[in-house]
């Protein structure tokens, strides 16, 4: 994966985590952007491994 692809993927993950955090806050739920970012990155890793198998 090139550096540009990694940056684009990382930016997408950050936006997804921010959106999830904002949604949680709007619903009155406690939420952590850092935790949501880790969840998104973990899900992407699982998808990448499944794809590569």
PDB file of N, CA and C in Angstrom:
ATOM      1  N   UNK A   1       0.854  -1.165   0.000  1.00  0.00           N
ATOM      2  CA  UNK A   1       0.000   0.000   0.000  1.00  0.00           C
ATOM      3  C   UNK A   1       0.903   1.232   0.000  1.00  0.00           C
ATOM      4  N   UNK A   2       0.600   2.195  -0.843  1.00  0.00           N
ATOM      5  CA  UNK A   2       1.427   3.396  -0.911  1.00  0.00           C
ATOM      6  C   UNK A   2       1.106   4.342   0.235  1.00  0.00           C
ATOM      7  N   UNK A   3       1.993   5.293   0.433  1.00  0.00           N
ATOM      8  CA  UNK A   3       1.782   6.276   1.502  1.00  0.00           C
ATOM      9  C   UNK A   3       0.496   7.065   1.293  1.00  0.00           C
ATOM     10  N   UNK A   4       0.196   7.395   0.046  1.00  0.00           N
ATOM     11  CA  UNK A   4      -1.024   8.154  -0.247  1.00  0.00           C
ATOM     12  C   UNK A   4      -2.256   7.323   0.092  1.00  0.00           C
ATOM     13  N   UNK A   5      -2.235   6.046  -0.255  1.00  0.00           N
ATOM     14  CA  UNK A   5      -3.362   5.170   0.071  1.00  0.00           C
ATOM     15  C   UNK A   5      -3.542   5.071   1.579  1.00  0.00           C
ATOM     16  N   UNK A   6      -2.429   4.971   2.298  1.00  0.00           N
ATOM     17  CA  UNK A   6      -2.505   4.883   3.761  1.00  0.00           C
ATOM     18  C   UNK A   6      -3.087   6.163   4.353  1.00  0.00           C
ATOM     19  N   UNK A   7      -2.677   7.310   3.818  1.00  0.00           N
ATOM     20  CA  UNK A   7      -3.187   8.587   4.319  1.00  0.00           C
ATOM     21  C   UNK A   7      -4.682   8.732   4.050  1.00  0.00           C
ATOM     22  N   UNK A   8      -5.111   8.316   2.879  1.00  0.00           N
ATOM     23  CA  UNK A   8      -6.530   8.387   2.536  1.00  0.00           C
ATOM     24  C   UNK A   8      -7.337   7.455   3.440  1.00  0.00           C
ATOM     25  N   UNK A   9      -6.831   6.244   3.641  1.00  0.00           N
ATOM     26  CA  UNK A   9      -7.520   5.284   4.506  1.00  0.00           C
ATOM     27  C   UNK A   9      -7.589   5.813   5.941  1.00  0.00           C
ATOM     28  N   UNK A  10      -6.488   6.379   6.423  1.00  0.00           N
ATOM     29  CA  UNK A  10      -6.446   6.925   7.775  1.00  0.00           C
ATOM     30  C   UNK A  10      -7.417   8.096   7.922  1.00  0.00           C
ATOM     31  N   UNK A  11      -7.471   8.965   6.916  1.00  0.00           N
ATOM     32  CA  UNK A  11      -8.396  10.099   6.959  1.00  0.00           C
ATOM     33  C   UNK A  11      -9.838   9.604   7.001  1.00  0.00           C
ATOM     34  N   UNK A  12     -10.144   8.581   6.211  1.00  0.00           N
ATOM     35  CA  UNK A  12     -11.488   8.004   6.221  1.00  0.00           C
ATOM     36  C   UNK A  12     -11.837   7.402   7.574  1.00  0.00           C
ATOM     37  N   UNK A  13     -10.867   6.724   8.183  1.00  0.00           N
ATOM     38  CA  UNK A  13     -11.085   6.138   9.508  1.00  0.00           C
ATOM     39  C   UNK A  13     -11.329   7.237  10.544  1.00  0.00           C
ATOM     40  N   UNK A  14     -10.569   8.319  10.451  1.00  0.00           N
ATOM     41  CA  UNK A  14     -10.749   9.428  11.391  1.00  0.00           C
ATOM     42  C   UNK A  14     -12.134  10.053  11.245  1.00  0.00           C
ATOM     43  N   UNK A  15     -12.567  10.260  10.006  1.00  0.00           N
ATOM     44  CA  UNK A  15     -13.894  10.833   9.779  1.00  0.00           C
ATOM     45  C   UNK A  15     -14.988   9.911  10.299  1.00  0.00           C
ATOM     46  N   UNK A  16     -14.830   8.621  10.081  1.00  0.00           N
ATOM     47  CA  UNK A  16     -15.824   7.659  10.569  1.00  0.00           C
ATOM     48  C   UNK A  16     -15.889   7.681  12.094  1.00  0.00           C
ATOM     49  N   UNK A  17     -14.732   7.744  12.741  1.00  0.00           N
ATOM     50  CA  UNK A  17     -14.694   7.783  14.207  1.00  0.00           C
ATOM     51  C   UNK A  17     -15.315   9.076  14.737  1.00  0.00           C
ATOM     52  N   UNK A  18     -15.028  10.202  14.089  1.00  0.00           N
ATOM     53  CA  UNK A  18     -15.612  11.480  14.523  1.00  0.00           C
ATOM     54  C   UNK A  18     -17.129  11.463  14.355  1.00  0.00           C
ATOM     55  N   UNK A  19     -17.603  10.900  13.257  1.00  0.00           N
ATOM     56  CA  UNK A  19     -19.046  10.824  13.019  1.00  0.00           C
ATOM     57  C   UNK A  19     -19.715   9.945  14.074  1.00  0.00           C
ATOM     58  N   UNK A  20     -19.100   8.826  14.399  1.00  0.00           N
ATOM     59  CA  UNK A  20     -19.654   7.929  15.418  1.00  0.00           C
ATOM     60  C   UNK A  20     -19.684   8.616  16.784  1.00  0.00           C
ATOM     61  N   UNK A  21     -18.636   9.347  17.099  1.00  0.00           N
ATOM     62  CA  UNK A  21     -18.576  10.067  18.376  1.00  0.00           C
ATOM     63  C   UNK A  21     -19.652  11.142  18.434  1.00  0.00           C
ATOM     64  N   UNK A  22     -19.811  11.893  17.357  1.00  0.00           N
ATOM     65  CA  UNK A  22     -20.833  12.941  17.314  1.00  0.00           C
ATOM     66  C   UNK A  22     -22.229  12.342  17.451  1.00  0.00           C
ATOM     67  N   UNK A  23     -22.447  11.203  16.785  1.00  0.00           N
ATOM     68  CA  UNK A  23     -23.746  10.527  16.875  1.00  0.00           C
ATOM     69  C   UNK A  23     -24.018  10.093  18.313  1.00  0.00           C
ATOM     70  N   UNK A  24     -23.013   9.495  18.937  1.00  0.00           N
ATOM     71  CA  UNK A  24     -23.174   9.050  20.327  1.00  0.00           C
ATOM     72  C   UNK A  24     -23.479  10.230  21.249  1.00  0.00           C
ATOM     73  N   UNK A  25     -22.770  11.324  21.074  1.00  0.00           N
ATOM     74  CA  UNK A  25     -22.998  12.500  21.918  1.00  0.00           C
ATOM     75  C   UNK A  25     -24.393  13.072  21.688  1.00  0.00           C
ATOM     76  N   UNK A  26     -24.842  13.084  20.443  1.00  0.00           N
ATOM     77  CA  UNK A  26     -26.183  13.585  20.132  1.00  0.00           C
ATOM     78  C   UNK A  26     -27.258  12.731  20.788  1.00  0.00           C
ATOM     79  N   UNK A  27     -26.969  11.444  20.940  1.00  0.00           N
ATOM     80  CA  UNK A  27     -27.916  10.532  21.589  1.00  0.00           C
ATOM     81  C   UNK A  27     -27.749  10.527  23.108  1.00  0.00           C
ATOM     82  N   UNK A  28     -26.834  11.349  23.620  1.00  0.00           N
ATOM     83  CA  UNK A  28     -26.630  11.440  25.055  1.00  0.00           C
ATOM     84  C   UNK A  28     -25.774  10.323  25.629  1.00  0.00           C
ATOM     85  N   UNK A  29     -25.099   9.592  24.773  1.00  0.00           N
ATOM     86  CA  UNK A  29     -24.251   8.490  25.227  1.00  0.00           C
ATOM     87  C   UNK A  29     -22.825   8.988  25.457  1.00  0.00           C
ATOM     88  N   UNK A  30     -22.148   8.456  26.453  1.00  0.00           N
ATOM     89  CA  UNK A  30     -20.731   8.791  26.592  1.00  0.00           C
ATOM     90  C   UNK A  30     -19.960   8.139  25.449  1.00  0.00           C
ATOM     91  N   UNK A  31     -18.979   8.838  24.946  1.00  0.00           N
ATOM     92  CA  UNK A  31     -18.240   8.300  23.816  1.00  0.00           C
ATOM     93  C   UNK A  31     -16.833   8.876  23.799  1.00  0.00           C
ATOM     94  N   UNK A  32     -15.919   8.116  23.260  1.00  0.00           N
ATOM     95  CA  UNK A  32     -14.531   8.539  23.140  1.00  0.00           C
ATOM     96  C   UNK A  32     -14.113   8.415  21.685  1.00  0.00           C
ATOM     97  N   UNK A  33     -13.637   9.517  21.114  1.00  0.00           N
ATOM     98  CA  UNK A  33     -13.187   9.471  19.729  1.00  0.00           C
ATOM     99  C   UNK A  33     -12.007   8.522  19.565  1.00  0.00           C
ATOM    100  N   UNK A  34     -11.117   8.490  20.562  1.00  0.00           N
ATOM    101  CA  UNK A  34      -9.963   7.597  20.507  1.00  0.00           C
ATOM    102  C   UNK A  34     -10.420   6.142  20.482  1.00  0.00           C
ATOM    103  N   UNK A  35     -11.374   5.801  21.315  1.00  0.00           N
ATOM    104  CA  UNK A  35     -11.894   4.436  21.342  1.00  0.00           C
ATOM    105  C   UNK A  35     -12.598   4.102  20.030  1.00  0.00           C
ATOM    106  N   UNK A  36     -13.386   5.035  19.526  1.00  0.00           N
ATOM    107  CA  UNK A  36     -14.069   4.789  18.254  1.00  0.00           C
ATOM    108  C   UNK A  36     -13.064   4.624  17.124  1.00  0.00           C
ATOM    109  N   UNK A  37     -11.981   5.385  17.146  1.00  0.00           N
ATOM    110  CA  UNK A  37     -10.952   5.265  16.119  1.00  0.00           C
ATOM    111  C   UNK A  37     -10.303   3.879  16.191  1.00  0.00           C
ATOM    112  N   UNK A  38     -10.054   3.398  17.394  1.00  0.00           N
ATOM    113  CA  UNK A  38      -9.457   2.070  17.563  1.00  0.00           C
ATOM    114  C   UNK A  38     -10.406   0.991  17.042  1.00  0.00           C
ATOM    115  N   UNK A  39     -11.692   1.154  17.304  1.00  0.00           N
ATOM    116  CA  UNK A  39     -12.679   0.187  16.816  1.00  0.00           C
ATOM    117  C   UNK A  39     -12.702   0.153  15.292  1.00  0.00           C
ATOM    118  N   UNK A  40     -12.699   1.333  14.674  1.00  0.00           N
ATOM    119  CA  UNK A  40     -12.732   1.422  13.206  1.00  0.00           C
ATOM    120  C   UNK A  40     -11.485   0.778  12.625  1.00  0.00           C
ATOM    121  N   UNK A  41     -10.331   1.081  13.190  1.00  0.00           N
ATOM    122  CA  UNK A  41      -9.080   0.507  12.687  1.00  0.00           C
ATOM    123  C   UNK A  41      -9.078  -1.013  12.866  1.00  0.00           C
ATOM    124  N   UNK A  42      -9.594  -1.495  13.987  1.00  0.00           N
ATOM    125  CA  UNK A  42      -9.683  -2.933  14.227  1.00  0.00           C
ATOM    126  C   UNK A  42     -10.587  -3.619  13.221  1.00  0.00           C
ATOM    127  N   UNK A  43     -11.723  -2.998  12.932  1.00  0.00           N
ATOM    128  CA  UNK A  43     -12.644  -3.570  11.944  1.00  0.00           C
ATOM    129  C   UNK A  43     -11.986  -3.621  10.567  1.00  0.00           C
ATOM    130  N   UNK A  44     -11.244  -2.575  10.219  1.00  0.00           N
ATOM    131  CA  UNK A  44     -10.551  -2.560   8.927  1.00  0.00           C
ATOM    132  C   UNK A  44      -9.491  -3.654   8.851  1.00  0.00           C
ATOM    133  N   UNK A  45      -8.796  -3.887   9.936  1.00  0.00           N
ATOM    134  CA  UNK A  45      -7.772  -4.939   9.957  1.00  0.00           C
ATOM    135  C   UNK A  45      -8.414  -6.301   9.728  1.00  0.00           C
ATOM    136  N   UNK A  46      -9.537  -6.537  10.401  1.00  0.00           N
ATOM    137  CA  UNK A  46     -10.244  -7.820  10.236  1.00  0.00           C
ATOM    138  C   UNK A  46     -10.693  -7.989   8.788  1.00  0.00           C
ATOM    139  N   UNK A  47     -11.232  -6.931   8.201  1.00  0.00           N
ATOM    140  CA  UNK A  47     -11.664  -7.005   6.804  1.00  0.00           C
ATOM    141  C   UNK A  47     -10.484  -7.268   5.878  1.00  0.00           C
ATOM    142  N   UNK A  48      -9.339  -6.624   6.136  1.00  0.00           N
ATOM    143  CA  UNK A  48      -8.147  -6.829   5.312  1.00  0.00           C
ATOM    144  C   UNK A  48      -7.647  -8.267   5.402  1.00  0.00           C
ATOM    145  N   UNK A  49      -7.674  -8.824   6.604  1.00  0.00           N
ATOM    146  CA  UNK A  49      -7.198 -10.206   6.792  1.00  0.00           C
ATOM    147  C   UNK A  49      -8.140 -11.164   6.085  1.00  0.00           C
ATOM    148  N   UNK A  50      -9.443 -10.969   6.225  1.00  0.00           N
ATOM    149  CA  UNK A  50     -10.410 -11.834   5.547  1.00  0.00           C
ATOM    150  C   UNK A  50     -10.235 -11.756   4.044  1.00  0.00           C
ATOM    151  N   UNK A  51     -10.012 -10.547   3.535  1.00  0.00           N
ATOM    152  CA  UNK A  51      -9.836 -10.367   2.100  1.00  0.00           C
ATOM    153  C   UNK A  51      -8.585 -11.079   1.598  1.00  0.00           C
ATOM    154  N   UNK A  52      -7.522 -11.055   2.396  1.00  0.00           N
ATOM    155  CA  UNK A  52      -6.251 -11.622   1.988  1.00  0.00           C
ATOM    156  C   UNK A  52      -6.194 -13.146   2.097  1.00  0.00           C
ATOM    157  N   UNK A  53      -7.140 -13.738   2.822  1.00  0.00           N
ATOM    158  CA  UNK A  53      -7.131 -15.202   2.978  1.00  0.00           C
ATOM    159  C   UNK A  53      -7.669 -15.907   1.780  1.00  0.00           C
TER     160      UNK A  53
END
